[in-house]
Amino acid sequence: MSQERKDNYYLALRQIARVANSNLSLRRILNSTARSAARAVGVSGCRICLLDAQKEYLINVGVHGLSDFYLKKAPLDARKSIPEVLEGKVVCVTDVSQDKRVIHPQTAKTAGISSIMAAPLMEKGEVVGEIRLYTHEPHQFSAADKNFLLTVANMSAVLLERDELHRLLEKGYKLPGEQTTPPQLPTTARRPTEFVHPSEEEFARLLDFYRIEWLYEPRSFPLRWENGSIAEMCTPDFYLPALDLYIELTTLKQNLVTEKNRKIRRLKELYPEINIKLLNKADFLRLLAKYGYGSLGEAKVPNIERILFTHSQIQRRVKTLARKISRDYAGKHLTLVGVLKGVVCFMTDLMQHLSIPVTVDFMGISYYGIGEDQVVKITKDLDESITGRDVLMVEDIVDTGMTLNYVLRHLQSHDPASLRVCTLLDKRVRRLVDVPLDYVGFEIPDEFIVGYGLDYKGEFRNLPFIGTFHPQPKKERISPK
């Protein structure tokens, strides 16, 4: 490696460190980092990306030397575009037109991209993003180039982790050792997104509340061409991967609505496979109601502080549990037993996805006494005998384990052929009795939750998601002394 190249690397790393210690925004720091990396290696462009919450798409957080058209050709699928980087590898693509790991080769050719080198951003051994270099001419990257890019990737990961810590402190969280509950940020909290309009930020916060994954302005669609060049484009404000839906927001200003309607109609004509909607706030609330996230006319459910699991997350997990149970009980007739009423939603969804013959039965229980002196009493026993049958006890939530232990001893007294437990939620931190759990959906923190069958004074069972609940709004709560 020449002395000139060493000097370039040194100067680039010194510049990155200097800017990192400035008072610039994270976006500008990462843009500067991308510029320094590209210039040091002598290439035309660079971008730094974060993985979204589902680890499916790459979100641009720092860019240099790449056109908006190339950056917004489509949401960049990390599992298809040079997927080896997700395994922690540095990957070089010498000719993008011939490499199947490049998922948009024609767009890259139009943008003049010939070669790519990609390296992972790692935090505590986990890939959280990528940094990529781009060249206009075919390029053979050296081992020194790879090591330099890995160093820049590590520095970028530290910058992102530092920004996350600042966000936690701004939200009032204490440093480790001063708190008992681990902090949790929304899925999009680490995105240094700068919104064009306040309504977009409000929309993003609403999506975060319902834990709907989103990408901001991920793709531009050419609408009109003049003399072989793009003369007009449409860049939808949001893309919701779980719904495969693009969203363009609008206000009540008629001239803006008319122009956006024209663009959306043209986009649908040119790209009929694209699902896109033009929404104002009222439209969005109706959309949430349609997909089961909220009640019509309400932005948020009262006293729900945050969503732990969305309807789609619950359904995916229920299907996974059903597949495993079906495999384990293949060739057998299974009896599902649940305790009313909280388990109704989970039981109903679970049995629909089982591929084996099942029988369903329910029990009813009540509690007498106060605190530690509470006694469980069975108010409704099983309708059918379970002697000699394979029984699966289905629970909505297990916390102390005392009630479940009582019910299991009661069921075991009927001599079933086998007896196992499936619970959607496991609040392990509250466990007092060590009960066996054979199938678990999610482990949850020690917080009061409602939704998907779980209630507060008989209400909120019908919510399609599971969220943390406080009987009083935050501002009315009194802090413990």
Protein backbone atom coordinates (compact mmCIF):
# COMPACT_ATOMS: atom_id res chain seq x y z
CA MET A 1 0.00 0.00 0.00
CA SER A 2 1.41 3.37 -1.04
CA GLN A 3 2.19 6.13 1.42
CA GLU A 4 -0.34 8.36 -0.36
CA ARG A 5 -3.12 5.85 0.28
CA LYS A 6 -2.11 5.56 3.95
CA ASP A 7 -2.22 9.33 4.25
CA ASN A 8 -5.69 9.41 2.68
CA TYR A 9 -6.95 6.86 5.20
CA TYR A 10 -5.40 8.76 8.10
CA LEU A 11 -6.81 12.13 7.01
CA ALA A 12 -10.27 10.61 6.47
CA LEU A 13 -10.37 9.00 9.92
CA ARG A 14 -9.14 12.23 11.54
CA GLN A 15 -11.87 14.19 9.75
CA ILE A 16 -14.55 11.66 10.78
CA ALA A 17 -13.42 11.88 14.42
CA ARG A 18 -13.38 15.70 14.32
CA VAL A 19 -16.90 15.97 12.89
CA ALA A 20 -18.18 13.27 15.26
CA ASN A 21 -17.13 15.49 18.17
CA SER A 22 -18.99 18.53 16.78
CA ASN A 23 -22.48 19.80 17.60
CA LEU A 24 -23.84 18.90 14.15
CA SER A 25 -26.95 16.74 13.79
CA LEU A 26 -26.47 13.00 13.42
CA ARG A 27 -27.63 13.17 9.79
CA ARG A 28 -24.96 15.74 8.90
CA ILE A 29 -22.27 13.83 10.81
CA LEU A 30 -23.08 10.63 8.90
CA ASN A 31 -23.23 12.49 5.58
CA SER A 32 -19.75 13.86 6.32
CA THR A 33 -18.56 10.38 7.30
CA ALA A 34 -19.82 9.00 3.97
CA ARG A 35 -18.03 11.79 2.08
CA SER A 36 -14.73 11.19 3.90
CA ALA A 37 -14.90 7.42 3.28
CA ALA A 38 -15.61 7.85 -0.45
CA ARG A 39 -12.80 10.36 -0.95
CA ALA A 40 -10.24 8.26 0.96
CA VAL A 41 -10.83 5.18 -1.21
CA GLY A 42 -11.17 7.32 -4.36
CA VAL A 43 -14.70 6.28 -5.30
CA SER A 44 -17.73 8.24 -6.45
CA GLY A 45 -20.30 7.53 -3.74
CA CYS A 46 -21.04 6.13 -0.31
CA ARG A 47 -24.07 5.52 1.84
CA ILE A 48 -24.59 4.44 5.43
CA CYS A 49 -27.77 2.50 6.20
CA LEU A 50 -29.60 1.20 9.25
CA LEU A 51 -31.68 -1.97 9.28
CA ASP A 52 -35.35 -1.46 10.10
CA ALA A 53 -36.91 -3.11 13.18
CA GLN A 54 -37.76 -6.31 11.28
CA LYS A 55 -34.20 -6.48 9.82
CA GLU A 56 -35.60 -6.57 6.31
CA TYR A 57 -34.98 -3.13 4.77
CA LEU A 58 -32.04 -0.73 4.74
CA ILE A 59 -32.78 2.89 5.64
CA ASN A 60 -30.40 5.61 4.42
CA VAL A 61 -28.95 7.67 7.29
CA GLY A 62 -25.83 9.08 5.61
CA VAL A 63 -25.18 9.66 1.89
CA HIS A 64 -22.56 11.16 -0.43
CA GLY A 65 -22.31 11.28 -4.21
CA LEU A 66 -25.45 9.29 -5.13
CA SER A 67 -28.47 10.64 -7.01
CA ASP A 68 -31.92 10.81 -5.44
CA PHE A 69 -33.23 8.63 -8.28
CA TYR A 70 -30.75 5.85 -7.47
CA LEU A 71 -31.29 6.12 -3.72
CA LYS A 72 -35.08 5.98 -4.10
CA LYS A 73 -35.38 3.34 -6.80
CA ALA A 74 -37.21 1.08 -4.30
CA PRO A 75 -36.99 0.01 -0.63
CA LEU A 76 -33.64 -1.79 -0.38
CA ASP A 77 -34.24 -5.38 0.78
CA ALA A 78 -31.22 -6.38 2.89
CA ARG A 79 -32.01 -10.11 2.52
CA LYS A 80 -31.77 -9.94 -1.26
CA SER A 81 -29.27 -7.14 -1.92
CA ILE A 82 -25.79 -8.51 -1.14
CA PRO A 83 -27.22 -10.62 1.71
CA GLU A 84 -23.82 -11.91 2.93
CA VAL A 85 -23.31 -8.58 4.69
CA LEU A 86 -26.01 -9.62 7.19
CA GLU A 87 -23.66 -12.46 8.15
CA GLY A 88 -20.98 -9.94 9.11
CA LYS A 89 -18.94 -10.21 5.90
CA VAL A 90 -17.31 -7.52 3.76
CA VAL A 91 -18.47 -8.10 0.18
CA CYS A 92 -17.09 -6.73 -3.10
CA VAL A 93 -19.14 -6.70 -6.32
CA THR A 94 -16.88 -5.93 -9.25
CA ASP A 95 -19.55 -5.83 -11.97
CA VAL A 96 -23.09 -4.97 -10.84
CA SER A 97 -24.56 -5.82 -14.25
CA GLN A 98 -23.47 -9.46 -13.93
CA ASP A 99 -23.94 -10.12 -10.21
CA LYS A 100 -27.30 -11.57 -9.15
CA ARG A 101 -26.86 -10.16 -5.64
CA VAL A 102 -27.58 -6.69 -7.06
CA ILE A 103 -31.38 -6.53 -7.16
CA HIS A 104 -31.71 -3.39 -9.35
CA PRO A 105 -28.92 -3.77 -11.96
CA GLN A 106 -30.66 -1.70 -14.65
CA THR A 107 -31.16 1.24 -12.29
CA ALA A 108 -27.51 0.96 -11.21
CA LYS A 109 -26.45 1.03 -14.87
CA THR A 110 -28.59 4.12 -15.52
CA ALA A 111 -26.98 5.80 -12.51
CA GLY A 112 -23.50 4.85 -13.75
CA ILE A 113 -22.71 2.41 -10.92
CA SER A 114 -20.19 -0.30 -11.84
CA SER A 115 -18.75 -1.71 -8.59
CA ILE A 116 -19.87 -1.88 -4.95
CA MET A 117 -18.16 -2.75 -1.67
CA ALA A 118 -20.33 -3.30 1.41
CA ALA A 119 -19.40 -3.78 5.07
CA PRO A 120 -21.58 -4.44 8.15
CA LEU A 121 -22.25 -2.04 11.00
CA MET A 122 -21.96 -4.15 14.15
CA GLU A 123 -23.14 -3.53 17.70
CA LYS A 124 -22.24 -6.14 20.32
CA GLY A 125 -21.80 -8.79 17.63
CA GLU A 126 -25.09 -8.03 15.88
CA VAL A 127 -25.46 -6.48 12.42
CA VAL A 128 -27.50 -3.27 12.70
CA GLY A 129 -26.76 -1.72 9.32
CA GLU A 130 -24.35 -1.41 6.39
CA ILE A 131 -21.95 1.00 4.73
CA ARG A 132 -21.51 0.77 0.95
CA LEU A 133 -19.02 2.33 -1.49
CA TYR A 134 -19.88 2.85 -5.18
CA THR A 135 -17.69 3.41 -8.25
CA HIS A 136 -18.47 4.63 -11.78
CA GLU A 137 -15.73 2.46 -13.30
CA PRO A 138 -15.07 -1.26 -12.67
CA HIS A 139 -12.92 -1.40 -9.56
CA GLN A 140 -10.89 -4.01 -7.70
CA PHE A 141 -11.03 -3.16 -4.00
CA SER A 142 -7.87 -3.99 -2.04
CA ALA A 143 -7.53 -5.65 1.35
CA ALA A 144 -6.53 -2.25 2.74
CA ASP A 145 -9.76 -0.75 1.34
CA LYS A 146 -11.77 -3.45 3.11
CA ASN A 147 -10.02 -2.86 6.44
CA PHE A 148 -10.50 0.90 6.13
CA LEU A 149 -14.23 0.50 5.39
CA LEU A 150 -14.63 -1.82 8.38
CA THR A 151 -12.99 0.83 10.57
CA VAL A 152 -15.40 3.49 9.27
CA ALA A 153 -18.29 1.07 9.84
CA ASN A 154 -17.22 0.58 13.47
CA MET A 155 -16.96 4.33 14.01
CA SER A 156 -20.42 4.81 12.48
CA ALA A 157 -21.88 2.16 14.79
CA VAL A 158 -20.42 3.99 17.80
CA LEU A 159 -21.99 7.25 16.57
CA LEU A 160 -25.38 5.56 16.28
CA GLU A 161 -25.07 3.98 19.72
CA ARG A 162 -24.10 7.34 21.20
CA ASP A 163 -27.13 8.97 19.59
CA GLU A 164 -29.37 6.24 21.03
CA LEU A 165 -28.00 6.90 24.52
CA HIS A 166 -28.69 10.63 24.14
CA ARG A 167 -32.27 9.89 23.12
CA LEU A 168 -32.75 7.67 26.17
CA LEU A 169 -31.43 10.35 28.50
CA GLU A 170 -33.65 12.98 26.86
CA LYS A 171 -36.63 10.72 27.58
CA GLY A 172 -35.76 10.75 31.28
CA TYR A 173 -34.16 7.31 31.59
CA LYS A 174 -31.43 6.81 34.13
CA LEU A 175 -28.05 5.28 33.48
CA PRO A 176 -27.49 1.51 34.09
CA GLY A 177 -27.44 0.73 37.81
CA GLU A 178 -29.96 3.46 38.60
CA GLN A 179 -33.02 1.75 37.17
CA THR A 180 -34.72 -1.62 37.39
CA THR A 181 -36.69 -1.61 34.14
CA PRO A 182 -34.75 -1.76 30.84
CA PRO A 183 -35.53 1.24 28.62
CA GLN A 184 -37.47 0.68 25.43
CA LEU A 185 -37.63 3.01 22.46
CA PRO A 186 -40.07 2.90 19.57
CA THR A 187 -38.98 0.78 16.60
CA THR A 188 -38.04 3.90 14.66
CA ALA A 189 -36.31 5.77 17.49
CA ARG A 190 -32.83 5.38 16.04
CA ARG A 191 -33.72 6.83 12.67
CA PRO A 192 -32.24 10.32 12.27
CA THR A 193 -35.11 11.25 9.94
CA GLU A 194 -35.71 14.91 9.15
CA PHE A 195 -39.34 15.36 8.12
CA VAL A 196 -40.35 17.94 5.55
CA HIS A 197 -43.62 18.81 7.30
CA PRO A 198 -44.81 18.53 10.94
CA SER A 199 -47.80 16.43 9.81
CA GLU A 200 -45.36 13.75 8.64
CA GLU A 201 -43.71 13.62 12.05
CA GLU A 202 -47.13 13.35 13.71
CA PHE A 203 -48.03 10.52 11.33
CA ALA A 204 -44.75 8.74 12.15
CA ARG A 205 -45.41 9.03 15.90
CA LEU A 206 -48.84 7.51 15.41
CA LEU A 207 -47.31 4.63 13.45
CA ASP A 208 -44.74 4.16 16.21
CA PHE A 209 -47.46 4.04 18.85
CA TYR A 210 -49.15 1.18 17.02
CA ARG A 211 -45.75 -0.35 16.19
CA ILE A 212 -46.42 -0.28 12.48
CA GLU A 213 -43.05 -0.44 10.74
CA TRP A 214 -42.50 2.41 8.27
CA LEU A 215 -39.97 3.74 5.78
CA TYR A 216 -39.85 7.45 5.03
CA GLU A 217 -39.74 8.49 1.34
CA PRO A 218 -38.10 5.19 0.31
CA ARG A 219 -38.85 5.34 -3.41
CA SER A 220 -39.36 7.81 -6.26
CA PHE A 221 -41.56 6.94 -9.25
CA PRO A 222 -40.83 8.68 -12.59
CA LEU A 223 -44.08 10.10 -14.02
CA ARG A 224 -42.99 12.09 -17.07
CA TRP A 225 -40.00 12.17 -19.39
CA GLU A 226 -38.63 14.84 -21.74
CA ASN A 227 -35.85 14.18 -24.27
CA GLY A 228 -34.99 10.90 -22.57
CA SER A 229 -34.63 12.45 -19.10
CA ILE A 230 -36.99 12.31 -16.12
CA ALA A 231 -39.01 15.52 -15.95
CA GLU A 232 -41.38 14.67 -13.10
CA MET A 233 -41.39 12.18 -10.22
CA CYS A 234 -43.64 11.22 -7.31
CA THR A 235 -42.06 10.30 -3.96
CA PRO A 236 -44.70 8.95 -1.53
CA ASP A 237 -44.17 10.04 2.07
CA PHE A 238 -44.26 6.60 3.69
CA TYR A 239 -44.10 2.90 2.88
CA LEU A 240 -45.62 0.38 5.34
CA PRO A 241 -43.90 -2.98 4.63
CA ALA A 242 -46.33 -5.08 6.71
CA LEU A 243 -49.25 -3.80 4.62
CA ASP A 244 -47.27 -3.39 1.35
CA LEU A 245 -48.77 0.09 1.17
CA TYR A 246 -47.44 3.50 0.14
CA ILE A 247 -48.94 6.56 1.85
CA GLU A 248 -49.01 10.12 0.54
CA LEU A 249 -50.21 12.63 3.13
CA THR A 250 -52.19 15.73 2.28
CA THR A 251 -53.83 18.71 3.94
CA LEU A 252 -57.20 20.34 3.36
CA LYS A 253 -55.75 22.92 0.91
CA GLN A 254 -57.66 22.17 -2.26
CA ASN A 255 -54.90 23.18 -4.69
CA LEU A 256 -52.49 20.74 -3.04
CA VAL A 257 -55.09 17.96 -2.95
CA THR A 258 -55.85 18.44 -6.67
CA GLU A 259 -52.18 18.28 -7.67
CA LYS A 260 -51.46 15.24 -5.50
CA ASN A 261 -54.55 13.46 -6.84
CA ARG A 262 -53.28 14.03 -10.36
CA LYS A 263 -49.88 12.55 -9.48
CA ILE A 264 -51.41 9.54 -7.72
CA ARG A 265 -53.68 8.81 -10.71
CA ARG A 266 -50.68 8.99 -13.06
CA LEU A 267 -48.62 6.76 -10.77
CA LYS A 268 -51.37 4.14 -10.70
CA GLU A 269 -51.58 4.22 -14.51
CA LEU A 270 -47.84 3.67 -14.92
CA TYR A 271 -47.35 1.28 -11.99
CA PRO A 272 -50.61 -0.68 -11.53
CA GLU A 273 -48.92 -3.16 -9.19
CA ILE A 274 -48.21 -0.42 -6.61
CA ASN A 275 -50.65 -0.06 -3.71
CA ILE A 276 -50.83 3.62 -2.75
CA LYS A 277 -53.30 5.84 -0.89
CA LEU A 278 -53.65 9.60 -0.51
CA LEU A 279 -54.69 10.32 3.07
CA ASN A 280 -55.59 13.12 5.41
CA LYS A 281 -55.74 12.52 9.17
CA ALA A 282 -59.35 11.35 9.18
CA ASP A 283 -58.59 8.95 6.32
CA PHE A 284 -55.68 7.51 8.28
CA LEU A 285 -57.79 6.88 11.38
CA ARG A 286 -60.25 4.96 9.18
CA LEU A 287 -57.33 3.01 7.73
CA LEU A 288 -56.16 2.07 11.24
CA ALA A 289 -59.66 0.85 12.09
CA LYS A 290 -59.75 -1.22 8.88
CA TYR A 291 -56.51 -3.00 9.74
CA GLY A 292 -57.49 -3.50 13.39
CA TYR A 293 -55.14 -1.03 15.04
CA GLY A 294 -57.52 1.46 16.57
CA SER A 295 -61.13 2.43 17.00
CA LEU A 296 -62.68 4.78 14.43
CA GLY A 297 -62.45 8.41 15.47
CA GLU A 298 -59.72 7.89 18.08
CA ALA A 299 -56.02 8.40 17.48
CA LYS A 300 -55.07 6.31 20.49
CA VAL A 301 -56.86 4.09 22.99
CA PRO A 302 -57.14 5.96 26.34
CA ASN A 303 -54.57 4.99 29.00
CA ILE A 304 -52.62 2.71 26.65
CA GLU A 305 -49.03 3.88 27.10
CA ARG A 306 -47.41 1.75 24.40
CA ILE A 307 -48.08 -1.24 22.20
CA LEU A 308 -46.13 -4.36 23.14
CA PHE A 309 -47.35 -6.59 20.30
CA THR A 310 -49.34 -5.60 17.23
CA HIS A 311 -52.13 -7.70 15.79
CA SER A 312 -49.88 -8.90 12.95
CA GLN A 313 -47.07 -9.82 15.37
CA ILE A 314 -49.49 -11.83 17.50
CA GLN A 315 -50.91 -13.65 14.50
CA ARG A 316 -47.45 -14.58 13.20
CA ARG A 317 -46.48 -15.98 16.60
CA VAL A 318 -49.76 -17.90 17.00
CA LYS A 319 -49.21 -19.55 13.61
CA THR A 320 -45.68 -20.55 14.63
CA LEU A 321 -46.93 -22.09 17.87
CA ALA A 322 -49.69 -23.94 16.00
CA ARG A 323 -47.22 -25.44 13.53
CA LYS A 324 -44.99 -26.72 16.36
CA ILE A 325 -47.94 -28.16 18.30
CA SER A 326 -49.27 -29.86 15.15
CA ARG A 327 -45.88 -31.49 14.56
CA ASP A 328 -45.53 -32.63 18.17
CA TYR A 329 -49.04 -34.16 18.25
CA ALA A 330 -49.06 -35.56 14.71
CA GLY A 331 -51.36 -38.62 14.48
CA LYS A 332 -53.06 -37.81 17.81
CA HIS A 333 -56.37 -36.26 18.85
CA LEU A 334 -55.67 -33.30 21.11
CA THR A 335 -57.89 -31.75 23.77
CA LEU A 336 -57.42 -28.02 24.33
CA VAL A 337 -58.38 -26.73 27.78
CA GLY A 338 -58.67 -23.03 28.61
CA VAL A 339 -59.75 -20.94 31.60
CA LEU A 340 -62.41 -18.32 30.83
CA LYS A 341 -62.44 -15.52 29.87
CA GLY A 342 -59.04 -14.09 28.96
CA VAL A 343 -57.93 -17.05 26.84
CA VAL A 344 -60.82 -16.84 24.35
CA CYS A 345 -59.00 -14.78 21.69
CA PHE A 346 -55.81 -16.85 21.85
CA MET A 347 -57.66 -20.18 21.93
CA THR A 348 -59.81 -19.23 18.94
CA ASP A 349 -56.87 -18.18 16.77
CA LEU A 350 -54.65 -21.06 17.87
CA MET A 351 -57.09 -23.87 17.10
CA GLN A 352 -57.81 -22.43 13.62
CA HIS A 353 -54.18 -22.99 12.67
CA LEU A 354 -53.83 -26.51 14.10
CA SER A 355 -53.67 -29.21 11.42
CA ILE A 356 -54.65 -32.08 13.76
CA PRO A 357 -58.05 -33.15 15.20
CA VAL A 358 -58.87 -31.19 18.36
CA THR A 359 -61.54 -31.02 21.05
CA VAL A 360 -62.05 -27.80 23.01
CA ASP A 361 -63.20 -27.44 26.62
CA PHE A 362 -63.26 -24.59 29.12
CA MET A 363 -63.04 -24.14 32.87
CA GLY A 364 -64.13 -21.24 35.09
CA ILE A 365 -62.36 -20.15 38.25
CA SER A 366 -62.75 -17.42 40.88
CA TYR A 367 -60.64 -16.07 43.74
CA TYR A 368 -61.53 -15.66 47.40
CA GLY A 369 -59.59 -13.77 50.05
CA ILE A 370 -57.11 -10.90 49.85
CA GLY A 371 -53.46 -10.72 48.79
CA GLU A 372 -51.38 -13.77 49.69
CA ASP A 373 -54.40 -15.39 51.35
CA GLN A 374 -56.31 -15.69 48.05
CA VAL A 375 -57.74 -19.12 47.31
CA VAL A 376 -58.59 -20.41 43.83
CA LYS A 377 -61.99 -22.07 43.42
CA ILE A 378 -63.25 -23.88 40.32
CA THR A 379 -66.66 -22.51 39.38
CA LYS A 380 -67.02 -24.48 36.14
CA ASP A 381 -65.35 -27.84 35.55
CA LEU A 382 -64.75 -29.59 32.23
CA ASP A 383 -67.78 -30.80 30.29
CA GLU A 384 -66.02 -33.91 28.95
CA SER A 385 -63.75 -36.50 30.55
CA ILE A 386 -60.02 -36.15 29.75
CA THR A 387 -59.00 -39.53 31.15
CA GLY A 388 -56.55 -41.19 28.76
CA ARG A 389 -56.49 -38.14 26.45
CA ASP A 390 -53.65 -35.88 25.33
CA VAL A 391 -54.38 -32.51 26.92
CA LEU A 392 -52.90 -29.10 26.16
CA MET A 393 -53.62 -26.42 28.76
CA VAL A 394 -53.89 -23.10 26.88
CA GLU A 395 -53.24 -19.91 28.85
CA ASP A 396 -53.37 -16.25 27.87
CA ILE A 397 -50.75 -15.23 30.46
CA VAL A 398 -48.71 -16.90 33.21
CA ASP A 399 -47.25 -14.68 35.92
CA THR A 400 -46.88 -16.07 39.48
CA GLY A 401 -47.80 -19.56 38.29
CA MET A 402 -49.94 -20.22 41.37
CA THR A 403 -53.27 -20.41 39.54
CA LEU A 404 -51.82 -22.51 36.73
CA ASN A 405 -50.22 -24.88 39.25
CA TYR A 406 -53.61 -25.35 40.94
CA VAL A 407 -55.40 -26.03 37.65
CA LEU A 408 -52.70 -28.45 36.44
CA ARG A 409 -52.97 -30.49 39.67
CA HIS A 410 -56.74 -30.62 39.15
CA LEU A 411 -56.36 -31.79 35.54
CA GLN A 412 -53.66 -34.32 36.44
CA SER A 413 -56.08 -35.92 38.93
CA HIS A 414 -58.23 -36.95 35.93
CA ASP A 415 -55.38 -39.16 34.59
CA PRO A 416 -54.83 -37.71 31.09
CA ALA A 417 -52.43 -39.56 28.79
CA SER A 418 -50.30 -36.42 28.63
CA LEU A 419 -50.56 -32.85 29.92
CA ARG A 420 -48.64 -29.87 28.54
CA VAL A 421 -48.97 -26.08 28.71
CA CYS A 422 -49.11 -23.47 25.98
CA THR A 423 -49.18 -19.77 26.97
CA LEU A 424 -49.21 -16.72 24.78
CA LEU A 425 -47.52 -14.51 27.39
CA ASP A 426 -44.97 -15.40 30.06
CA LYS A 427 -44.35 -12.82 32.80
CA ARG A 428 -41.41 -14.77 34.16
CA VAL A 429 -40.21 -11.98 36.42
CA ARG A 430 -43.31 -12.54 38.62
CA ARG A 431 -42.92 -16.32 38.94
CA LEU A 432 -43.44 -17.80 42.41
CA VAL A 433 -44.23 -21.42 41.45
CA ASP A 434 -42.05 -23.22 38.93
CA VAL A 435 -44.63 -24.52 36.46
CA PRO A 436 -43.67 -26.25 33.18
CA LEU A 437 -44.31 -24.17 30.05
CA ASP A 438 -43.94 -26.21 26.87
CA TYR A 439 -44.97 -23.56 24.32
CA VAL A 440 -44.47 -19.82 24.90
CA GLY A 441 -45.48 -16.98 22.62
CA PHE A 442 -43.77 -13.94 24.16
CA GLU A 443 -41.96 -13.14 27.39
CA ILE A 444 -43.13 -9.78 28.77
CA PRO A 445 -41.95 -7.27 31.40
CA ASP A 446 -43.62 -6.75 34.77
CA GLU A 447 -46.28 -4.31 33.56
CA PHE A 448 -50.07 -4.35 33.55
CA ILE A 449 -51.31 -5.18 30.06
CA VAL A 450 -54.63 -5.33 28.24
CA GLY A 451 -55.94 -6.35 24.85
CA TYR A 452 -56.41 -9.57 22.89
CA GLY A 453 -58.57 -11.07 25.64
CA LEU A 454 -56.85 -9.43 28.62
CA ASP A 455 -59.01 -6.92 30.46
CA TYR A 456 -59.17 -4.16 33.03
CA LYS A 457 -62.48 -4.31 34.95
CA GLY A 458 -64.06 -6.18 32.07
CA GLU A 459 -62.99 -3.73 29.36
CA PHE A 460 -60.34 -3.70 26.60
CA ARG A 461 -60.58 -7.46 25.84
CA ASN A 462 -61.57 -6.61 22.26
CA LEU A 463 -58.41 -4.64 21.42
CA PRO A 464 -56.60 -6.43 18.57
CA PHE A 465 -53.16 -5.64 20.03
CA ILE A 466 -51.53 -6.06 23.46
CA GLY A 467 -50.46 -2.86 25.21
CA THR A 468 -49.29 -1.59 28.57
CA PHE A 469 -52.14 -0.01 30.53
CA HIS A 470 -52.38 2.59 33.28
CA PRO A 471 -55.75 3.23 34.96
CA GLN A 472 -54.98 6.96 35.10
CA PRO A 473 -53.37 9.14 32.44
CA LYS A 474 -49.68 9.79 32.99
CA LYS A 475 -50.18 13.35 34.15
CA GLU A 476 -52.58 12.24 36.88
CA ARG A 477 -50.31 9.60 38.34
CA ILE A 478 -48.52 10.36 41.59
CA SER A 479 -44.85 9.42 41.71
CA PRO A 480 -43.87 7.13 44.58
CA LYS A 481 -41.86 8.77 47.35
